[in-house]
Amino acid sequence: MVITASRWYKCDLQVATPAQEFRLPAGSSFDFSSPEDRADFADRYMIRLREQGVEVIALADHNTGDWLPDLQAAGDRHGVVVFPGVEVTTASGADGARLILIGDLDRTARDIDMLLAQSADSMTTTPAFSPATNQPASAGHTLCQILDDLPDQWLAIAPPCPYRQRHRV
């Protein structure tokens, strides 16, 4: 009798979508206001992930969970587990620290919205994207405040800082 102590999964815990600054493959033309095109894109995305051996992902768009239902449905169709998540930039420092917040599998896009706008003391500024640059706006909270207020159904991961990676000696 063989006893297996663990099973390893190939995961990507910082997956972005066309919600903001997403580079589509050359020759692609999707109308993301069309549910059919969104579903087609999500299916192609999941097929590509499976081709790479990825079995589990976490959504990590900046300040939005709008694509979560599309990716979860496509993940179900193609055997990819899709954890709900969102990326926020804290109010700390000039660049701010980035956090990926990953929820339990039963979390929804509405849960992400509620997480980002916790009553009058919101994590994100309004709007979620700077109108001048279309870049994600920083949260109204520091890193410690976000972690202190994070509900039990969420995990916080601090990915590497892209600025530091580009300027590493």
Protein backbone atom coordinates (compact mmCIF):
# COMPACT_ATOMS: atom_id res chain seq x y z
CA MET A 1 0.00 0.00 0.00
CA VAL A 2 1.38 3.39 -1.03
CA ILE A 3 0.54 6.33 1.19
CA THR A 4 0.70 9.77 -0.39
CA ALA A 5 1.43 12.50 2.12
CA SER A 6 0.83 15.47 -0.15
CA ARG A 7 -0.13 16.52 -3.64
CA TRP A 8 1.60 19.41 -5.36
CA TYR A 9 -0.26 21.78 -7.69
CA LYS A 10 1.20 24.15 -10.26
CA CYS A 11 -0.25 27.53 -9.32
CA ASP A 12 -0.18 31.14 -10.44
CA LEU A 13 -1.35 33.37 -7.59
CA GLN A 14 -1.18 36.66 -9.47
CA VAL A 15 -3.28 36.39 -12.62
CA ALA A 16 -4.44 39.55 -14.36
CA THR A 17 -7.24 40.00 -16.89
CA PRO A 18 -8.17 42.63 -19.47
CA ALA A 19 -9.67 44.71 -16.63
CA GLN A 20 -6.72 47.11 -16.90
CA GLU A 21 -3.61 47.32 -19.12
CA PHE A 22 -3.66 43.75 -20.40
CA ARG A 23 -1.68 42.97 -23.54
CA LEU A 24 -3.65 40.75 -25.89
CA PRO A 25 -1.88 38.44 -28.36
CA ALA A 26 -1.24 39.94 -31.78
CA GLY A 27 -4.24 39.64 -34.07
CA SER A 28 -6.71 39.33 -31.20
CA SER A 29 -9.89 41.33 -31.33
CA PHE A 30 -12.35 40.97 -28.48
CA ASP A 31 -15.26 43.18 -27.56
CA PHE A 32 -15.21 42.84 -23.78
CA SER A 33 -18.60 44.48 -23.48
CA SER A 34 -19.95 41.33 -25.17
CA PRO A 35 -20.60 38.37 -22.80
CA GLU A 36 -19.78 35.98 -25.65
CA ASP A 37 -16.37 37.59 -26.28
CA ARG A 38 -15.60 37.65 -22.56
CA ALA A 39 -16.44 33.93 -22.32
CA ASP A 40 -14.39 33.16 -25.45
CA PHE A 41 -11.40 35.06 -24.04
CA ALA A 42 -11.75 33.35 -20.63
CA ASP A 43 -11.90 29.91 -22.30
CA ARG A 44 -8.78 30.62 -24.35
CA TYR A 45 -7.04 31.91 -21.24
CA MET A 46 -7.84 28.72 -19.32
CA ILE A 47 -6.78 26.51 -22.22
CA ARG A 48 -3.42 28.31 -22.33
CA LEU A 49 -2.98 27.94 -18.56
CA ARG A 50 -3.71 24.20 -18.81
CA GLU A 51 -1.20 23.88 -21.67
CA GLN A 52 1.39 25.29 -19.24
CA GLY A 53 0.32 22.76 -16.59
CA VAL A 54 -1.30 25.37 -14.33
CA GLU A 55 -4.08 23.88 -12.19
CA VAL A 56 -4.81 26.67 -9.70
CA ILE A 57 -4.90 30.45 -10.12
CA ALA A 58 -5.80 33.45 -8.03
CA LEU A 59 -7.27 36.48 -9.74
CA ALA A 60 -5.24 39.59 -8.99
CA ASP A 61 -6.61 42.54 -10.96
CA HIS A 62 -6.02 45.96 -9.44
CA ASN A 63 -8.99 47.23 -7.41
CA THR A 64 -11.65 45.15 -9.15
CA GLY A 65 -13.17 41.69 -9.25
CA ASP A 66 -15.18 42.31 -12.42
CA TRP A 67 -13.70 39.35 -14.32
CA LEU A 68 -14.13 36.84 -11.49
CA PRO A 69 -17.42 35.25 -12.68
CA ASP A 70 -16.07 34.86 -16.23
CA LEU A 71 -12.82 33.24 -15.07
CA GLN A 72 -14.51 30.98 -12.54
CA ALA A 73 -16.96 29.70 -15.16
CA ALA A 74 -14.14 29.09 -17.66
CA GLY A 75 -12.03 27.47 -14.93
CA ASP A 76 -14.89 25.08 -14.18
CA ARG A 77 -15.12 24.19 -17.88
CA HIS A 78 -11.37 23.56 -18.21
CA GLY A 79 -10.37 22.11 -14.84
CA VAL A 80 -8.61 25.16 -13.39
CA VAL A 81 -9.40 26.19 -9.81
CA VAL A 82 -9.92 29.97 -9.67
CA PHE A 83 -9.53 31.67 -6.30
CA PRO A 84 -11.11 35.11 -6.02
CA GLY A 85 -8.58 37.83 -5.42
CA VAL A 86 -7.66 41.43 -5.95
CA GLU A 87 -4.47 43.49 -5.89
CA VAL A 88 -4.33 46.71 -3.88
CA THR A 89 -1.58 49.27 -3.44
CA THR A 90 -1.25 50.58 0.07
CA ALA A 91 -1.09 54.24 1.01
CA SER A 92 2.37 53.76 2.56
CA GLY A 93 5.33 55.49 0.94
CA ALA A 94 5.79 57.07 -2.45
CA ASP A 95 5.29 53.84 -4.39
CA GLY A 96 3.11 52.07 -1.86
CA ALA A 97 3.34 48.36 -1.13
CA ARG A 98 1.30 45.99 -3.21
CA LEU A 99 -0.81 43.27 -1.65
CA ILE A 100 -2.65 40.44 -3.31
CA LEU A 101 -5.73 39.54 -1.29
CA ILE A 102 -6.98 36.01 -2.00
CA GLY A 103 -10.36 34.83 -0.75
CA ASP A 104 -11.94 31.49 0.01
CA LEU A 105 -13.38 29.77 -3.05
CA ASP A 106 -16.90 30.83 -2.08
CA ARG A 107 -16.04 34.55 -2.21
CA THR A 108 -17.65 36.50 -5.08
CA ALA A 109 -17.02 39.67 -7.07
CA ARG A 110 -19.42 41.38 -4.67
CA ASP A 111 -17.27 40.23 -1.75
CA ILE A 112 -14.28 41.84 -3.47
CA ASP A 113 -16.24 45.08 -3.89
CA MET A 114 -17.21 44.97 -0.22
CA LEU A 115 -13.61 44.29 0.78
CA LEU A 116 -12.41 47.28 -1.23
CA ALA A 117 -15.09 49.63 0.08
CA GLN A 118 -15.60 48.72 3.71
CA SER A 119 -18.38 51.15 4.60
CA ALA A 120 -17.14 54.72 5.11
CA ASP A 121 -13.56 53.63 5.84
CA SER A 122 -12.65 52.34 2.37
CA MET A 123 -9.41 50.66 1.34
CA THR A 124 -9.35 52.24 -2.07
CA THR A 125 -9.69 55.82 -3.07
CA THR A 126 -12.49 56.90 -5.37
CA PRO A 127 -12.05 56.24 -8.22
CA ALA A 128 -10.13 52.94 -8.12
CA PHE A 129 -8.04 54.15 -11.07
CA SER A 130 -6.46 57.57 -11.43
CA PRO A 131 -8.37 59.49 -14.13
CA ALA A 132 -5.16 61.21 -15.29
CA THR A 133 -3.09 58.04 -15.83
CA ASN A 134 -5.59 55.14 -15.73
CA GLN A 135 -3.18 53.54 -13.23
CA PRO A 136 -4.49 51.87 -10.07
CA ALA A 137 -5.09 54.36 -7.26
CA SER A 138 -3.52 53.73 -3.87
CA ALA A 139 -5.60 52.49 -0.98
CA GLY A 140 -6.61 54.88 1.74
CA HIS A 141 -5.01 52.56 4.31
CA THR A 142 -1.48 51.60 5.22
CA LEU A 143 -0.25 48.03 4.98
CA CYS A 144 -0.81 47.46 8.71
CA GLN A 145 -4.34 48.89 8.58
CA ILE A 146 -5.31 46.66 5.66
CA LEU A 147 -3.93 43.56 7.39
CA ASP A 148 -5.61 44.47 10.69
CA ASP A 149 -9.00 44.89 8.96
CA LEU A 150 -8.72 41.87 6.63
CA PRO A 151 -11.59 39.41 7.24
CA ASP A 152 -10.77 35.80 8.13
CA GLN A 153 -11.79 34.53 4.67
CA TRP A 154 -8.87 36.36 3.01
CA LEU A 155 -5.14 35.72 2.70
CA ALA A 156 -2.67 38.55 2.02
CA ILE A 157 0.46 38.00 -0.08
CA ALA A 158 3.04 40.71 -0.77
CA PRO A 159 4.46 40.12 -4.26
CA PRO A 160 7.91 41.41 -5.22
CA CYS A 161 8.01 45.13 -5.92
CA PRO A 162 8.27 45.69 -9.70
CA TYR A 163 10.30 48.87 -9.14
CA ARG A 164 12.92 47.02 -7.09
CA GLN A 165 13.09 44.18 -9.62
CA ARG A 166 13.81 46.58 -12.48
CA HIS A 167 16.52 48.39 -10.51
CA ARG A 168 18.20 45.45 -8.80
CA VAL A 169 22.00 45.54 -9.03
